[in-house]
């Protein structure tokens, strides 16, 4: 092919490309700036929570307005566990550094913590928040203890009541949060 025969093909392809681009910009696809997109007949009111006043805003800690007290939001945007137990567990274990928290799986893992004045021992906790209902068996806390021997740390026995005491504190705090939530909605 000679350069003279290639040129018409490029022109033809360029014209075809321009026609496709211009066709995509037809008046049907251009946004009507003067139109009120947020009026009730715009169709947006059919989208749940979209500009209707119902569940507008950010859902924090899995509680939505109008939900049943003691249960987390059943929608996909909230927590996978009970919001009161989750918040109460975080509050109760706040004195220990947080290593990880999975609100959908309900697992909170702390990092090692040495109490002031007890540099020869350290503690770590793993909390499991189970289920969406505020129940006494909805939280399990395992506590681990290590003592310093020489240059390293060695696992040691933890009193069985330690985990139970933390669970009781979590449940008391969850009841307090729930009562505060109920008082705020009245």
C-alpha atoms as a PDB file:
ATOM      1  CA  UNK A   1       0.000   0.000   0.000  1.00  0.00           C
ATOM      2  CA  UNK A   2       1.153   3.462  -0.785  1.00  0.00           C
ATOM      3  CA  UNK A   3       0.864   6.359   1.641  1.00  0.00           C
ATOM      4  CA  UNK A   4      -1.791   7.857  -0.600  1.00  0.00           C
ATOM      5  CA  UNK A   5      -4.078   4.823  -0.138  1.00  0.00           C
ATOM      6  CA  UNK A   6      -3.520   4.689   3.634  1.00  0.00           C
ATOM      7  CA  UNK A   7      -4.623   8.244   4.194  1.00  0.00           C
ATOM      8  CA  UNK A   8      -8.276   7.719   3.146  1.00  0.00           C
ATOM      9  CA  UNK A   9      -8.556   4.755   5.522  1.00  0.00           C
ATOM     10  CA  UNK A  10      -7.280   6.862   8.467  1.00  0.00           C
ATOM     11  CA  UNK A  11      -9.686   9.609   7.547  1.00  0.00           C
ATOM     12  CA  UNK A  12     -12.524   7.108   7.328  1.00  0.00           C
ATOM     13  CA  UNK A  13     -11.626   5.572  10.716  1.00  0.00           C
ATOM     14  CA  UNK A  14     -11.292   9.028  12.272  1.00  0.00           C
ATOM     15  CA  UNK A  15     -14.688  10.052  10.929  1.00  0.00           C
ATOM     16  CA  UNK A  16     -16.249   6.831  12.212  1.00  0.00           C
ATOM     17  CA  UNK A  17     -14.705   7.378  15.665  1.00  0.00           C
ATOM     18  CA  UNK A  18     -15.964  10.978  15.750  1.00  0.00           C
ATOM     19  CA  UNK A  19     -19.474   9.824  14.812  1.00  0.00           C
ATOM     20  CA  UNK A  20     -19.499   7.271  17.638  1.00  0.00           C
ATOM     21  CA  UNK A  21     -18.276   9.827  20.165  1.00  0.00           C
ATOM     22  CA  UNK A  22     -20.808  12.414  19.035  1.00  0.00           C
ATOM     23  CA  UNK A  23     -23.580   9.830  19.110  1.00  0.00           C
ATOM     24  CA  UNK A  24     -22.765   9.029  22.713  1.00  0.00           C
ATOM     25  CA  UNK A  25     -23.228  12.710  23.529  1.00  0.00           C
ATOM     26  CA  UNK A  26     -26.778  12.869  22.287  1.00  0.00           C
ATOM     27  CA  UNK A  27     -29.282  15.059  24.094  1.00  0.00           C
ATOM     28  CA  UNK A  28     -30.760  12.032  25.896  1.00  0.00           C
ATOM     29  CA  UNK A  29     -27.530  11.479  27.820  1.00  0.00           C
ATOM     30  CA  UNK A  30     -26.866  15.121  28.696  1.00  0.00           C
ATOM     31  CA  UNK A  31     -27.814  16.029  32.250  1.00  0.00           C
ATOM     32  CA  UNK A  32     -30.594  18.580  32.509  1.00  0.00           C
ATOM     33  CA  UNK A  33     -29.060  21.094  34.902  1.00  0.00           C
ATOM     34  CA  UNK A  34     -32.292  22.997  35.466  1.00  0.00           C
ATOM     35  CA  UNK A  35     -34.180  19.893  36.539  1.00  0.00           C
ATOM     36  CA  UNK A  36     -34.768  19.300  40.257  1.00  0.00           C
ATOM     37  CA  UNK A  37     -33.281  15.843  40.833  1.00  0.00           C
ATOM     38  CA  UNK A  38     -34.372  15.660  44.447  1.00  0.00           C
ATOM     39  CA  UNK A  39     -38.087  16.224  44.220  1.00  0.00           C
ATOM     40  CA  UNK A  40     -40.396  13.367  45.173  1.00  0.00           C
ATOM     41  CA  UNK A  41     -41.322  12.396  41.607  1.00  0.00           C
ATOM     42  CA  UNK A  42     -37.667  12.012  40.584  1.00  0.00           C
ATOM     43  CA  UNK A  43     -37.659   8.324  41.503  1.00  0.00           C
ATOM     44  CA  UNK A  44     -34.961   8.716  44.177  1.00  0.00           C
ATOM     45  CA  UNK A  45     -37.508   8.293  46.944  1.00  0.00           C
ATOM     46  CA  UNK A  46     -37.828   4.653  45.905  1.00  0.00           C
ATOM     47  CA  UNK A  47     -34.252   3.979  46.977  1.00  0.00           C
ATOM     48  CA  UNK A  48     -34.290   3.002  50.662  1.00  0.00           C
ATOM     49  CA  UNK A  49     -32.763   5.680  52.830  1.00  0.00           C
ATOM     50  CA  UNK A  50     -32.017   8.020  49.927  1.00  0.00           C
ATOM     51  CA  UNK A  51     -33.185  11.533  50.785  1.00  0.00           C
ATOM     52  CA  UNK A  52     -36.402  10.343  52.373  1.00  0.00           C
ATOM     53  CA  UNK A  53     -35.478  10.943  55.993  1.00  0.00           C
ATOM     54  CA  UNK A  54     -35.652   7.227  56.715  1.00  0.00           C
ATOM     55  CA  UNK A  55     -32.266   5.891  57.847  1.00  0.00           C
ATOM     56  CA  UNK A  56     -30.433   8.828  56.313  1.00  0.00           C
ATOM     57  CA  UNK A  57     -26.913   9.409  57.535  1.00  0.00           C
ATOM     58  CA  UNK A  58     -24.145   7.151  58.741  1.00  0.00           C
ATOM     59  CA  UNK A  59     -24.977   4.106  60.827  1.00  0.00           C
ATOM     60  CA  UNK A  60     -22.427   3.841  63.632  1.00  0.00           C
ATOM     61  CA  UNK A  61     -21.913   0.745  65.745  1.00  0.00           C
ATOM     62  CA  UNK A  62     -24.729  -1.101  63.986  1.00  0.00           C
ATOM     63  CA  UNK A  63     -27.611   0.816  65.511  1.00  0.00           C
ATOM     64  CA  UNK A  64     -30.142   2.392  63.220  1.00  0.00           C
ATOM     65  CA  UNK A  65     -32.876   4.749  64.302  1.00  0.00           C
ATOM     66  CA  UNK A  66     -36.135   2.956  64.856  1.00  0.00           C
ATOM     67  CA  UNK A  67     -34.548  -0.461  65.437  1.00  0.00           C
ATOM     68  CA  UNK A  68     -35.494  -2.692  68.335  1.00  0.00           C
ATOM     69  CA  UNK A  69     -33.508  -1.952  71.485  1.00  0.00           C
ATOM     70  CA  UNK A  70     -30.919  -4.582  72.300  1.00  0.00           C
ATOM     71  CA  UNK A  71     -30.473  -5.747  68.723  1.00  0.00           C
ATOM     72  CA  UNK A  72     -28.056  -4.561  66.129  1.00  0.00           C
ATOM     73  CA  UNK A  73     -29.154  -3.361  62.727  1.00  0.00           C
ATOM     74  CA  UNK A  74     -30.224  -6.298  60.605  1.00  0.00           C
ATOM     75  CA  UNK A  75     -29.061  -4.589  57.447  1.00  0.00           C
ATOM     76  CA  UNK A  76     -25.752  -5.217  55.775  1.00  0.00           C
ATOM     77  CA  UNK A  77     -24.264  -1.850  56.735  1.00  0.00           C
ATOM     78  CA  UNK A  78     -24.098  -2.431  60.498  1.00  0.00           C
ATOM     79  CA  UNK A  79     -22.185  -4.729  62.767  1.00  0.00           C
ATOM     80  CA  UNK A  80     -22.396  -8.471  62.574  1.00  0.00           C
ATOM     81  CA  UNK A  81     -22.904  -8.623  66.353  1.00  0.00           C
ATOM     82  CA  UNK A  82     -24.880  -6.830  69.051  1.00  0.00           C
ATOM     83  CA  UNK A  83     -23.890  -3.167  69.091  1.00  0.00           C
ATOM     84  CA  UNK A  84     -24.223  -2.746  72.860  1.00  0.00           C
ATOM     85  CA  UNK A  85     -22.054  -5.789  73.613  1.00  0.00           C
ATOM     86  CA  UNK A  86     -19.494  -4.677  71.030  1.00  0.00           C
ATOM     87  CA  UNK A  87     -19.191  -1.148  72.426  1.00  0.00           C
ATOM     88  CA  UNK A  88     -19.186  -2.427  76.016  1.00  0.00           C
ATOM     89  CA  UNK A  89     -16.398  -4.895  75.232  1.00  0.00           C
ATOM     90  CA  UNK A  90     -14.288  -2.163  73.659  1.00  0.00           C
ATOM     91  CA  UNK A  91     -14.936   0.106  76.648  1.00  0.00           C
ATOM     92  CA  UNK A  92     -14.086  -2.611  79.172  1.00  0.00           C
ATOM     93  CA  UNK A  93     -10.851  -3.614  77.452  1.00  0.00           C
ATOM     94  CA  UNK A  94      -9.829  -0.016  76.723  1.00  0.00           C
ATOM     95  CA  UNK A  95      -7.053  -0.127  79.336  1.00  0.00           C
ATOM     96  CA  UNK A  96      -5.213  -2.655  77.148  1.00  0.00           C
ATOM     97  CA  UNK A  97      -3.756  -1.711  73.752  1.00  0.00           C
ATOM     98  CA  UNK A  98      -5.919  -2.906  70.878  1.00  0.00           C
ATOM     99  CA  UNK A  99      -4.250  -5.280  68.381  1.00  0.00           C
ATOM    100  CA  UNK A 100      -7.257  -5.945  66.138  1.00  0.00           C
ATOM    101  CA  UNK A 101     -11.025  -5.671  66.078  1.00  0.00           C
ATOM    102  CA  UNK A 102     -13.380  -7.374  63.631  1.00  0.00           C
ATOM    103  CA  UNK A 103     -16.915  -5.970  64.087  1.00  0.00           C
ATOM    104  CA  UNK A 104     -18.417  -8.384  61.564  1.00  0.00           C
ATOM    105  CA  UNK A 105     -16.880 -11.506  63.075  1.00  0.00           C
ATOM    106  CA  UNK A 106     -17.179 -10.170  66.624  1.00  0.00           C
ATOM    107  CA  UNK A 107     -13.540 -10.699  67.626  1.00  0.00           C
ATOM    108  CA  UNK A 108     -11.442  -8.229  69.626  1.00  0.00           C
ATOM    109  CA  UNK A 109      -7.788  -9.024  70.295  1.00  0.00           C
ATOM    110  CA  UNK A 110      -5.655  -6.896  72.573  1.00  0.00           C
ATOM    111  CA  UNK A 111      -1.910  -6.586  72.588  1.00  0.00           C
ATOM    112  CA  UNK A 112       0.223  -7.488  75.596  1.00  0.00           C
ATOM    113  CA  UNK A 113      -0.306  -5.204  78.593  1.00  0.00           C
ATOM    114  CA  UNK A 114       1.831  -4.912  81.719  1.00  0.00           C
ATOM    115  CA  UNK A 115       0.035  -3.324  84.688  1.00  0.00           C
ATOM    116  CA  UNK A 116       1.872  -0.416  86.308  1.00  0.00           C
ATOM    117  CA  UNK A 117       4.272  -1.709  88.953  1.00  0.00           C
ATOM    118  CA  UNK A 118       4.163  -5.290  87.620  1.00  0.00           C
ATOM    119  CA  UNK A 119       6.857  -5.295  84.971  1.00  0.00           C
ATOM    120  CA  UNK A 120       7.517  -9.021  85.405  1.00  0.00           C
ATOM    121  CA  UNK A 121       4.120 -10.104  84.074  1.00  0.00           C
ATOM    122  CA  UNK A 122       1.879  -9.172  81.158  1.00  0.00           C
ATOM    123  CA  UNK A 123      -1.647  -9.966  80.008  1.00  0.00           C
ATOM    124  CA  UNK A 124      -3.456 -10.316  76.714  1.00  0.00           C
ATOM    125  CA  UNK A 125      -7.188 -10.776  76.074  1.00  0.00           C
ATOM    126  CA  UNK A 126      -9.303 -12.124  73.251  1.00  0.00           C
ATOM    127  CA  UNK A 127     -13.013 -11.310  73.324  1.00  0.00           C
ATOM    128  CA  UNK A 128     -15.692 -13.012  71.259  1.00  0.00           C
ATOM    129  CA  UNK A 129     -18.997 -11.170  70.879  1.00  0.00           C
ATOM    130  CA  UNK A 130     -21.510 -13.755  69.720  1.00  0.00           C
ATOM    131  CA  UNK A 131     -24.853 -13.072  68.117  1.00  0.00           C
ATOM    132  CA  UNK A 132     -27.021 -10.046  67.539  1.00  0.00           C
ATOM    133  CA  UNK A 133     -28.985 -10.160  70.776  1.00  0.00           C
ATOM    134  CA  UNK A 134     -28.043  -8.726  74.149  1.00  0.00           C
ATOM    135  CA  UNK A 135     -27.786 -11.907  76.212  1.00  0.00           C
ATOM    136  CA  UNK A 136     -25.678 -12.961  79.155  1.00  0.00           C
ATOM    137  CA  UNK A 137     -23.933 -15.620  77.063  1.00  0.00           C
ATOM    138  CA  UNK A 138     -23.285 -13.170  74.214  1.00  0.00           C
ATOM    139  CA  UNK A 139     -19.653 -12.471  75.133  1.00  0.00           C
ATOM    140  CA  UNK A 140     -16.684 -14.726  75.971  1.00  0.00           C
ATOM    141  CA  UNK A 141     -13.318 -13.371  77.068  1.00  0.00           C
ATOM    142  CA  UNK A 142     -10.126 -15.396  77.254  1.00  0.00           C
ATOM    143  CA  UNK A 143      -7.244 -13.918  79.205  1.00  0.00           C
ATOM    144  CA  UNK A 144      -3.613 -14.977  78.712  1.00  0.00           C
ATOM    145  CA  UNK A 145      -0.759 -14.303  81.107  1.00  0.00           C
ATOM    146  CA  UNK A 146       2.996 -14.459  80.753  1.00  0.00           C
ATOM    147  CA  UNK A 147       5.774 -13.951  83.302  1.00  0.00           C
ATOM    148  CA  UNK A 148       9.327 -12.877  82.623  1.00  0.00           C
ATOM    149  CA  UNK A 149      11.972 -15.530  83.105  1.00  0.00           C
ATOM    150  CA  UNK A 150      15.444 -14.372  82.264  1.00  0.00           C
ATOM    151  CA  UNK A 151      15.346 -12.561  78.933  1.00  0.00           C
ATOM    152  CA  UNK A 152      12.071 -14.097  77.673  1.00  0.00           C
ATOM    153  CA  UNK A 153       8.423 -14.528  78.500  1.00  0.00           C
ATOM    154  CA  UNK A 154       6.849 -17.807  79.625  1.00  0.00           C
ATOM    155  CA  UNK A 155       3.135 -18.657  79.663  1.00  0.00           C
ATOM    156  CA  UNK A 156       1.579 -18.761  83.120  1.00  0.00           C
ATOM    157  CA  UNK A 157      -1.740 -19.817  84.610  1.00  0.00           C
ATOM    158  CA  UNK A 158      -4.556 -17.255  84.791  1.00  0.00           C
ATOM    159  CA  UNK A 159      -7.184 -17.443  87.525  1.00  0.00           C
ATOM    160  CA  UNK A 160     -10.360 -18.854  85.931  1.00  0.00           C
ATOM    161  CA  UNK A 161     -12.434 -16.062  87.444  1.00  0.00           C
ATOM    162  CA  UNK A 162     -10.511 -13.354  85.549  1.00  0.00           C
ATOM    163  CA  UNK A 163     -12.316 -13.939  82.240  1.00  0.00           C
ATOM    164  CA  UNK A 164     -15.683 -14.229  84.018  1.00  0.00           C
ATOM    165  CA  UNK A 165     -15.124 -10.956  85.872  1.00  0.00           C
ATOM    166  CA  UNK A 166     -14.348  -9.159  82.623  1.00  0.00           C
ATOM    167  CA  UNK A 167     -17.459 -10.689  81.025  1.00  0.00           C
ATOM    168  CA  UNK A 168     -19.578  -9.444  83.943  1.00  0.00           C
ATOM    169  CA  UNK A 169     -18.152  -5.936  83.512  1.00  0.00           C
ATOM    170  CA  UNK A 170     -18.932  -6.061  79.784  1.00  0.00           C
ATOM    171  CA  UNK A 171     -22.524  -7.125  80.460  1.00  0.00           C
ATOM    172  CA  UNK A 172     -23.004  -4.379  83.061  1.00  0.00           C
ATOM    173  CA  UNK A 173     -21.651  -1.784  80.634  1.00  0.00           C
ATOM    174  CA  UNK A 174     -23.856  -3.128  77.808  1.00  0.00           C
ATOM    175  CA  UNK A 175     -26.951  -2.787  80.029  1.00  0.00           C
ATOM    176  CA  UNK A 176     -25.881   0.768  80.856  1.00  0.00           C
ATOM    177  CA  UNK A 177     -25.435   1.629  77.168  1.00  0.00           C
ATOM    178  CA  UNK A 178     -28.803   0.105  76.336  1.00  0.00           C
ATOM    179  CA  UNK A 179     -30.597   2.093  79.039  1.00  0.00           C
ATOM    180  CA  UNK A 180     -28.873   5.283  77.848  1.00  0.00           C
ATOM    181  CA  UNK A 181     -30.004   4.515  74.308  1.00  0.00           C
ATOM    182  CA  UNK A 182     -33.586   3.950  75.410  1.00  0.00           C
ATOM    183  CA  UNK A 183     -33.589   7.176  77.434  1.00  0.00           C
ATOM    184  CA  UNK A 184     -32.264   9.119  74.452  1.00  0.00           C
ATOM    185  CA  UNK A 185     -35.073   7.878  72.180  1.00  0.00           C
ATOM    186  CA  UNK A 186     -37.831   8.948  74.534  1.00  0.00           C
END
